[in-house]
Protein backbone atom coordinates (compact mmCIF):
# COMPACT_ATOMS: atom_id res chain seq x y z
CA MET A 1 1.45 -19.58 5.51
CA ARG A 2 1.12 -22.30 8.14
CA LEU A 3 4.40 -23.83 6.93
CA THR A 4 6.38 -20.93 8.40
CA PHE A 5 4.89 -21.27 11.92
CA ASP A 6 4.93 -23.94 14.64
CA LYS A 7 2.08 -24.08 17.15
CA LEU A 8 3.38 -23.89 20.72
CA PRO A 9 2.28 -26.91 22.76
CA GLY A 10 -0.09 -26.03 25.60
CA TYR A 11 -1.17 -22.71 24.07
CA SER A 12 -4.21 -22.37 21.84
CA ASN A 13 -3.23 -19.14 20.07
CA LEU A 14 0.58 -18.88 20.19
CA HIS A 15 2.81 -19.73 17.23
CA ARG A 16 6.59 -19.54 16.75
CA CYS A 17 7.85 -18.14 13.44
CA LYS A 18 10.31 -20.57 11.81
CA LEU A 19 12.05 -17.69 10.04
CA CYS A 20 12.90 -15.42 12.99
CA GLY A 21 11.82 -17.33 16.13
CA LYS A 22 9.37 -14.69 17.32
CA VAL A 23 6.29 -15.94 19.20
CA VAL A 24 3.13 -14.35 17.81
CA THR A 25 -0.64 -14.61 18.19
CA HIS A 26 -1.63 -13.24 14.77
CA ILE A 27 0.28 -15.27 12.20
CA ARG A 28 -1.22 -13.44 9.22
CA ASN A 29 0.03 -10.07 10.48
CA HIS A 30 3.51 -11.41 11.23
CA TYR A 31 3.70 -13.26 7.91
CA HIS A 32 3.65 -9.92 6.09
CA VAL A 33 6.76 -8.81 8.01
CA HIS A 34 8.76 -11.34 6.00
CA PHE A 35 6.64 -11.34 2.82
CA PRO A 36 5.37 -7.80 2.20
CA GLY A 37 2.40 -7.00 0.01
CA ARG A 38 2.43 -7.10 -3.76
CA PHE A 39 0.48 -3.91 -4.46
CA GLU A 40 3.08 -1.14 -4.57
CA CYS A 41 2.52 2.59 -4.91
CA PRO A 42 4.50 3.75 -7.96
CA LEU A 43 5.04 7.19 -6.41
CA CYS A 44 6.36 6.44 -2.92
CA ARG A 45 6.88 2.63 -2.97
CA ALA A 46 4.46 1.93 -0.09
CA THR A 47 3.28 -1.69 -0.34
CA TYR A 48 -0.10 -3.18 0.49
CA THR A 49 -1.54 -6.68 0.55
CA ARG A 50 -4.82 -5.55 -1.05
CA SER A 51 -5.50 -3.37 -4.08
CA ASP A 52 -8.27 -1.45 -2.33
CA ASN A 53 -5.82 -0.36 0.38
CA LEU A 54 -3.45 0.92 -2.32
CA ARG A 55 -6.34 2.82 -3.92
CA THR A 56 -7.22 4.39 -0.54
CA HIS A 57 -3.56 5.31 0.02
CA CYS A 58 -3.39 7.03 -3.37
CA ARG A 59 -6.65 8.89 -2.80
CA PHE A 60 -5.36 10.44 0.44
CA LYS A 61 -1.59 10.74 -0.14
CA HIS A 62 -1.53 11.43 -3.90
CA PRO A 63 -4.98 12.90 -4.73
CA LEU A 64 -4.11 13.79 -8.35
CA PHE A 65 -2.87 10.27 -9.14
CA ASN A 66 -5.25 7.56 -10.38
CA PRO A 67 -3.79 4.12 -9.52
CA ASP A 68 -6.16 2.34 -11.94
CA THR A 69 -4.90 4.22 -15.00
CA ARG A 70 -1.48 4.98 -13.44
CA LYS A 71 -1.83 8.58 -14.65
CA PHE A 72 -2.32 11.98 -13.09
CA ASP A 73 -5.80 13.46 -13.30
CA LEU A 74 -5.12 17.17 -13.82
CA GLN A 75 -8.81 18.10 -13.96
CA THR A 76 -9.70 17.11 -10.40
CA GLU A 77 -12.52 18.97 -8.62
CA GLY A 78 -13.05 21.45 -11.44
CA LEU A 79 -9.44 22.59 -11.44
CA ASP A 80 -7.72 22.45 -14.79
CA LEU A 81 -4.02 22.72 -14.06
CA ASN A 82 -3.22 22.69 -17.77
CA SER A 83 -5.18 25.91 -18.33
CA SER A 84 -3.42 27.67 -15.46
CA ILE A 85 -0.04 26.63 -16.87
CA THR A 86 -1.07 27.81 -20.33
CA SER A 87 -2.31 31.17 -19.01
CA ASN A 88 0.94 31.66 -17.09
CA ASP A 89 2.93 30.91 -20.24
CA LYS A 90 0.95 33.50 -22.24
CA SER A 91 1.55 36.24 -19.68
CA SER A 92 5.34 35.79 -19.81
């Protein structure tokens, strides 16, 4: 990561990005602008640098999706969506 930044002389916390020239104080945050995370949500393509952040994203944005198994959990919180679909099919 340090290879993409030059420290500005005379400043203890300022670095210039060699890729775009922007002067930044937090090189780790700016690094991810050019090299986004590798943990990608398969449903909406949001990317994260850590797997736990992807898991949190899925829990809040896609509550029926389990990122560990990459499947939908249709029996969440006592609701069985399969049984409601089956009962609707029988009434038709």
